[in-house]
N, C-alpha and C. Protein backbone atom coordinates (compact mmCIF):
# COMPACT_ATOMS: atom_id res chain seq x y z
N MET A 1 -3.45 -32.81 -30.61
CA MET A 1 -4.76 -33.30 -31.00
C MET A 1 -5.79 -32.86 -29.95
N LYS A 2 -6.90 -32.35 -30.40
CA LYS A 2 -7.97 -31.97 -29.50
C LYS A 2 -8.73 -33.22 -29.08
N THR A 3 -9.14 -33.24 -27.82
CA THR A 3 -9.89 -34.35 -27.29
C THR A 3 -11.30 -33.89 -26.95
N CYS A 4 -12.28 -34.60 -27.47
CA CYS A 4 -13.68 -34.23 -27.30
C CYS A 4 -14.42 -35.35 -26.57
N LEU A 5 -15.32 -34.95 -25.69
CA LEU A 5 -16.18 -35.89 -24.99
C LEU A 5 -17.59 -35.71 -25.53
N ILE A 6 -18.20 -36.81 -25.93
CA ILE A 6 -19.59 -36.80 -26.38
C ILE A 6 -20.39 -37.66 -25.41
N VAL A 7 -21.43 -37.07 -24.83
CA VAL A 7 -22.29 -37.79 -23.89
C VAL A 7 -23.65 -37.95 -24.55
N GLY A 8 -24.01 -39.19 -24.85
CA GLY A 8 -25.27 -39.49 -25.51
C GLY A 8 -25.03 -39.85 -26.97
N MET A 9 -25.28 -41.09 -27.31
CA MET A 9 -24.95 -41.57 -28.65
C MET A 9 -26.17 -41.74 -29.55
N GLY A 10 -27.19 -40.91 -29.34
CA GLY A 10 -28.25 -40.78 -30.33
C GLY A 10 -27.72 -39.83 -31.39
N ILE A 11 -28.04 -38.55 -31.26
CA ILE A 11 -27.50 -37.52 -32.15
C ILE A 11 -25.98 -37.42 -31.99
N GLY A 12 -25.47 -37.90 -30.86
CA GLY A 12 -24.03 -37.87 -30.62
C GLY A 12 -23.23 -38.65 -31.65
N LYS A 13 -23.85 -39.63 -32.31
CA LYS A 13 -23.15 -40.38 -33.36
C LYS A 13 -22.76 -39.45 -34.51
N LEU A 14 -23.61 -38.49 -34.82
CA LEU A 14 -23.29 -37.52 -35.87
C LEU A 14 -22.11 -36.65 -35.41
N TYR A 15 -22.13 -36.20 -34.18
CA TYR A 15 -21.02 -35.42 -33.63
C TYR A 15 -19.72 -36.24 -33.72
N GLN A 16 -19.81 -37.51 -33.34
CA GLN A 16 -18.64 -38.38 -33.37
C GLN A 16 -18.06 -38.47 -34.77
N GLN A 17 -18.91 -38.66 -35.76
CA GLN A 17 -18.46 -38.78 -37.15
C GLN A 17 -17.76 -37.50 -37.60
N VAL A 18 -18.37 -36.36 -37.36
CA VAL A 18 -17.81 -35.08 -37.80
C VAL A 18 -16.49 -34.79 -37.09
N LEU A 19 -16.47 -34.95 -35.78
CA LEU A 19 -15.25 -34.65 -35.03
C LEU A 19 -14.11 -35.59 -35.40
N THR A 20 -14.41 -36.85 -35.63
CA THR A 20 -13.40 -37.82 -36.05
C THR A 20 -12.84 -37.44 -37.42
N GLU A 21 -13.72 -37.05 -38.34
CA GLU A 21 -13.28 -36.64 -39.68
C GLU A 21 -12.39 -35.40 -39.61
N LEU A 22 -12.61 -34.55 -38.61
CA LEU A 22 -11.79 -33.35 -38.43
C LEU A 22 -10.45 -33.66 -37.74
N GLY A 23 -10.26 -34.91 -37.32
CA GLY A 23 -9.01 -35.32 -36.72
C GLY A 23 -8.94 -35.18 -35.21
N HIS A 24 -10.08 -34.98 -34.57
CA HIS A 24 -10.09 -34.86 -33.12
C HIS A 24 -10.16 -36.24 -32.48
N GLY A 25 -9.58 -36.35 -31.30
CA GLY A 25 -9.76 -37.55 -30.51
C GLY A 25 -11.15 -37.48 -29.88
N VAL A 26 -11.88 -38.56 -29.91
CA VAL A 26 -13.25 -38.57 -29.41
C VAL A 26 -13.42 -39.69 -28.39
N ILE A 27 -13.98 -39.33 -27.25
CA ILE A 27 -14.35 -40.29 -26.22
C ILE A 27 -15.86 -40.19 -26.07
N THR A 28 -16.55 -41.34 -26.09
CA THR A 28 -18.00 -41.35 -26.07
C THR A 28 -18.54 -42.00 -24.80
N VAL A 29 -19.73 -41.52 -24.41
CA VAL A 29 -20.41 -42.06 -23.23
C VAL A 29 -21.88 -42.24 -23.56
N ASP A 30 -22.43 -43.38 -23.19
CA ASP A 30 -23.87 -43.59 -23.24
C ASP A 30 -24.21 -44.65 -22.20
N ALA A 31 -25.27 -44.39 -21.43
CA ALA A 31 -25.67 -45.32 -20.38
C ALA A 31 -26.14 -46.66 -20.94
N ASP A 32 -26.55 -46.68 -22.19
CA ASP A 32 -27.03 -47.89 -22.85
C ASP A 32 -25.85 -48.59 -23.53
N PRO A 33 -25.42 -49.73 -23.00
CA PRO A 33 -24.26 -50.43 -23.57
C PRO A 33 -24.44 -50.81 -25.04
N SER A 34 -25.67 -50.97 -25.49
CA SER A 34 -25.90 -51.37 -26.88
C SER A 34 -25.56 -50.25 -27.87
N LYS A 35 -25.34 -49.02 -27.38
CA LYS A 35 -25.02 -47.89 -28.26
C LYS A 35 -23.55 -47.90 -28.69
N GLY A 36 -22.73 -48.77 -28.07
CA GLY A 36 -21.34 -48.92 -28.49
C GLY A 36 -20.41 -47.80 -28.08
N ALA A 37 -20.77 -47.05 -27.05
CA ALA A 37 -19.90 -45.97 -26.57
C ALA A 37 -18.68 -46.54 -25.86
N ASP A 38 -17.67 -45.70 -25.68
CA ASP A 38 -16.46 -46.12 -24.97
C ASP A 38 -16.73 -46.39 -23.50
N PHE A 39 -17.66 -45.62 -22.92
CA PHE A 39 -17.97 -45.73 -21.49
C PHE A 39 -19.47 -45.68 -21.29
N THR A 40 -19.94 -46.23 -20.17
CA THR A 40 -21.36 -46.16 -19.85
C THR A 40 -21.68 -45.09 -18.80
N ASN A 41 -20.64 -44.43 -18.29
CA ASN A 41 -20.91 -43.28 -17.41
C ASN A 41 -19.79 -42.25 -17.55
N VAL A 42 -20.17 -41.01 -17.29
CA VAL A 42 -19.27 -39.87 -17.49
C VAL A 42 -18.06 -39.93 -16.58
N ASP A 43 -18.24 -40.37 -15.34
CA ASP A 43 -17.12 -40.38 -14.40
C ASP A 43 -15.99 -41.28 -14.88
N ASP A 44 -16.32 -42.42 -15.49
CA ASP A 44 -15.27 -43.29 -16.02
C ASP A 44 -14.51 -42.61 -17.16
N ALA A 45 -15.23 -41.90 -18.01
CA ALA A 45 -14.57 -41.17 -19.11
C ALA A 45 -13.66 -40.09 -18.57
N ILE A 46 -14.10 -39.41 -17.52
CA ILE A 46 -13.29 -38.35 -16.92
C ILE A 46 -12.03 -38.92 -16.27
N ARG A 47 -12.14 -40.08 -15.69
CA ARG A 47 -10.95 -40.72 -15.11
C ARG A 47 -9.93 -41.04 -16.21
N GLU A 48 -10.42 -41.38 -17.38
CA GLU A 48 -9.55 -41.69 -18.52
C GLU A 48 -8.83 -40.43 -19.04
N CYS A 49 -9.55 -39.34 -19.11
CA CYS A 49 -9.01 -38.09 -19.64
C CYS A 49 -9.59 -36.95 -18.80
N ARG A 50 -8.80 -36.35 -17.96
CA ARG A 50 -9.28 -35.36 -16.99
C ARG A 50 -9.77 -34.06 -17.61
N LEU A 51 -9.27 -33.71 -18.80
CA LEU A 51 -9.61 -32.43 -19.40
C LEU A 51 -9.88 -32.61 -20.89
N PHE A 52 -11.02 -32.10 -21.34
CA PHE A 52 -11.43 -32.20 -22.74
C PHE A 52 -11.42 -30.80 -23.35
N ASN A 53 -11.08 -30.70 -24.62
CA ASN A 53 -11.19 -29.41 -25.30
C ASN A 53 -12.65 -29.01 -25.43
N THR A 54 -13.48 -29.96 -25.85
CA THR A 54 -14.91 -29.70 -25.93
C THR A 54 -15.68 -30.86 -25.34
N VAL A 55 -16.84 -30.53 -24.80
CA VAL A 55 -17.78 -31.53 -24.31
C VAL A 55 -19.09 -31.29 -25.06
N HIS A 56 -19.68 -32.36 -25.56
CA HIS A 56 -20.93 -32.28 -26.31
C HIS A 56 -21.98 -33.10 -25.57
N ILE A 57 -22.98 -32.41 -25.04
CA ILE A 57 -24.03 -33.06 -24.27
C ILE A 57 -25.22 -33.30 -25.19
N CYS A 58 -25.44 -34.57 -25.51
CA CYS A 58 -26.47 -34.97 -26.47
C CYS A 58 -27.42 -35.98 -25.83
N THR A 59 -27.85 -35.68 -24.64
CA THR A 59 -28.69 -36.57 -23.85
C THR A 59 -30.09 -35.98 -23.74
N PRO A 60 -31.03 -36.71 -23.11
CA PRO A 60 -32.37 -36.14 -22.91
C PRO A 60 -32.30 -34.81 -22.14
N ASN A 61 -33.22 -33.92 -22.44
CA ASN A 61 -33.21 -32.56 -21.91
C ASN A 61 -33.09 -32.48 -20.39
N PHE A 62 -33.79 -33.36 -19.67
CA PHE A 62 -33.79 -33.27 -18.21
C PHE A 62 -32.42 -33.54 -17.60
N THR A 63 -31.48 -34.09 -18.37
CA THR A 63 -30.14 -34.37 -17.86
C THR A 63 -29.14 -33.25 -18.14
N HIS A 64 -29.52 -32.28 -18.96
CA HIS A 64 -28.58 -31.26 -19.44
C HIS A 64 -27.92 -30.46 -18.33
N ILE A 65 -28.68 -29.95 -17.38
CA ILE A 65 -28.11 -29.06 -16.36
C ILE A 65 -27.06 -29.78 -15.52
N ASN A 66 -27.36 -30.99 -15.06
CA ASN A 66 -26.38 -31.71 -14.23
C ASN A 66 -25.13 -32.05 -15.02
N LEU A 67 -25.28 -32.49 -16.25
CA LEU A 67 -24.12 -32.81 -17.07
C LEU A 67 -23.32 -31.55 -17.42
N ALA A 68 -24.00 -30.46 -17.70
CA ALA A 68 -23.31 -29.21 -18.01
C ALA A 68 -22.49 -28.72 -16.83
N ARG A 69 -23.03 -28.85 -15.63
CA ARG A 69 -22.29 -28.45 -14.43
C ARG A 69 -21.08 -29.38 -14.23
N HIS A 70 -21.28 -30.66 -14.40
CA HIS A 70 -20.20 -31.63 -14.23
C HIS A 70 -19.11 -31.41 -15.27
N ALA A 71 -19.51 -31.14 -16.50
CA ALA A 71 -18.55 -30.95 -17.59
C ALA A 71 -17.77 -29.65 -17.46
N GLY A 72 -18.36 -28.66 -16.82
CA GLY A 72 -17.68 -27.36 -16.70
C GLY A 72 -16.30 -27.46 -16.08
N ILE A 73 -16.14 -28.36 -15.18
CA ILE A 73 -14.86 -28.56 -14.50
C ILE A 73 -13.84 -29.22 -15.43
N HIS A 74 -14.31 -29.98 -16.40
CA HIS A 74 -13.43 -30.82 -17.22
C HIS A 74 -13.33 -30.37 -18.67
N SER A 75 -13.81 -29.17 -18.97
CA SER A 75 -13.72 -28.66 -20.33
C SER A 75 -12.75 -27.49 -20.38
N ALA A 76 -11.79 -27.59 -21.27
CA ALA A 76 -10.80 -26.51 -21.43
C ALA A 76 -11.36 -25.36 -22.24
N ASP A 77 -12.34 -25.62 -23.08
CA ASP A 77 -12.83 -24.60 -24.00
C ASP A 77 -14.34 -24.41 -23.94
N ILE A 78 -15.08 -25.35 -24.53
CA ILE A 78 -16.51 -25.15 -24.73
C ILE A 78 -17.29 -26.40 -24.33
N VAL A 79 -18.46 -26.17 -23.71
CA VAL A 79 -19.43 -27.21 -23.47
C VAL A 79 -20.64 -26.90 -24.36
N PHE A 80 -20.89 -27.77 -25.31
CA PHE A 80 -22.05 -27.63 -26.19
C PHE A 80 -23.20 -28.44 -25.61
N VAL A 81 -24.34 -27.79 -25.44
CA VAL A 81 -25.53 -28.47 -24.93
C VAL A 81 -26.54 -28.52 -26.06
N GLU A 82 -26.87 -29.73 -26.47
CA GLU A 82 -27.81 -29.91 -27.58
C GLU A 82 -29.15 -29.28 -27.22
N LYS A 83 -29.81 -28.71 -28.23
CA LYS A 83 -31.07 -28.02 -27.99
C LYS A 83 -32.13 -28.95 -27.42
N PRO A 84 -33.00 -28.44 -26.62
CA PRO A 84 -33.23 -27.04 -26.33
C PRO A 84 -32.36 -26.47 -25.23
N GLY A 85 -31.30 -27.12 -24.89
CA GLY A 85 -30.37 -26.54 -23.91
C GLY A 85 -30.88 -26.69 -22.49
N LEU A 86 -30.95 -25.57 -21.80
CA LEU A 86 -31.38 -25.58 -20.40
C LEU A 86 -32.79 -25.01 -20.29
N GLU A 87 -33.38 -25.23 -19.15
CA GLU A 87 -34.79 -24.87 -18.93
C GLU A 87 -35.07 -23.37 -19.06
N ASN A 88 -34.12 -22.54 -18.61
CA ASN A 88 -34.36 -21.10 -18.67
C ASN A 88 -33.04 -20.34 -18.67
N SER A 89 -33.12 -19.04 -18.93
CA SER A 89 -31.92 -18.22 -19.03
C SER A 89 -31.20 -18.08 -17.70
N ALA A 90 -31.92 -18.18 -16.60
CA ALA A 90 -31.27 -18.10 -15.29
C ALA A 90 -30.29 -19.25 -15.08
N LEU A 91 -30.63 -20.43 -15.56
CA LEU A 91 -29.71 -21.57 -15.44
C LEU A 91 -28.46 -21.36 -16.29
N TRP A 92 -28.63 -20.80 -17.50
CA TRP A 92 -27.47 -20.49 -18.34
C TRP A 92 -26.58 -19.47 -17.62
N ALA A 93 -27.19 -18.44 -17.08
CA ALA A 93 -26.42 -17.39 -16.40
C ALA A 93 -25.67 -17.97 -15.20
N GLN A 94 -26.31 -18.84 -14.46
CA GLN A 94 -25.67 -19.44 -13.29
C GLN A 94 -24.47 -20.30 -13.70
N LEU A 95 -24.61 -21.07 -14.78
CA LEU A 95 -23.48 -21.86 -15.28
C LEU A 95 -22.30 -20.97 -15.63
N CYS A 96 -22.58 -19.90 -16.34
CA CYS A 96 -21.50 -18.98 -16.76
C CYS A 96 -20.84 -18.32 -15.56
N GLU A 97 -21.61 -18.05 -14.54
CA GLU A 97 -21.06 -17.45 -13.33
C GLU A 97 -20.22 -18.46 -12.54
N ASP A 98 -20.73 -19.68 -12.44
CA ASP A 98 -20.02 -20.72 -11.67
C ASP A 98 -18.76 -21.22 -12.36
N PHE A 99 -18.72 -21.16 -13.69
CA PHE A 99 -17.59 -21.66 -14.47
C PHE A 99 -17.13 -20.57 -15.45
N PRO A 100 -16.51 -19.51 -14.96
CA PRO A 100 -16.18 -18.36 -15.81
C PRO A 100 -15.15 -18.66 -16.91
N ASN A 101 -14.40 -19.74 -16.78
CA ASN A 101 -13.40 -20.07 -17.80
C ASN A 101 -13.93 -21.04 -18.86
N THR A 102 -15.18 -21.44 -18.75
CA THR A 102 -15.79 -22.36 -19.70
C THR A 102 -16.85 -21.62 -20.49
N ARG A 103 -16.84 -21.80 -21.80
CA ARG A 103 -17.90 -21.22 -22.62
C ARG A 103 -18.97 -22.29 -22.81
N TYR A 104 -20.22 -21.89 -22.57
CA TYR A 104 -21.37 -22.78 -22.77
C TYR A 104 -22.13 -22.33 -24.01
N MET A 105 -22.48 -23.27 -24.83
CA MET A 105 -23.25 -22.97 -26.04
C MET A 105 -24.38 -23.96 -26.17
């Protein structure tokens, strides 16, 4: 079974529904406890499951780069960053250079 991490339960709820319907294990994170996520911070989710097949970053734009860097270590396959993604192409290039075994989308 593939294990997916979703960070941010706004649009992340849609990701959760689709991934669950596809039969993936889903672990959710949102800093707002009222969103009903499994965890309120990423580090606790990572302690639960050290490696995810995919990570889906669905948080406010200003948080994307730090979460993408943090997730790069814990993603076996792909880190999806919800649009608009990162601030510029140099940040994307740096992520790909720093984490050559992780695909960023």
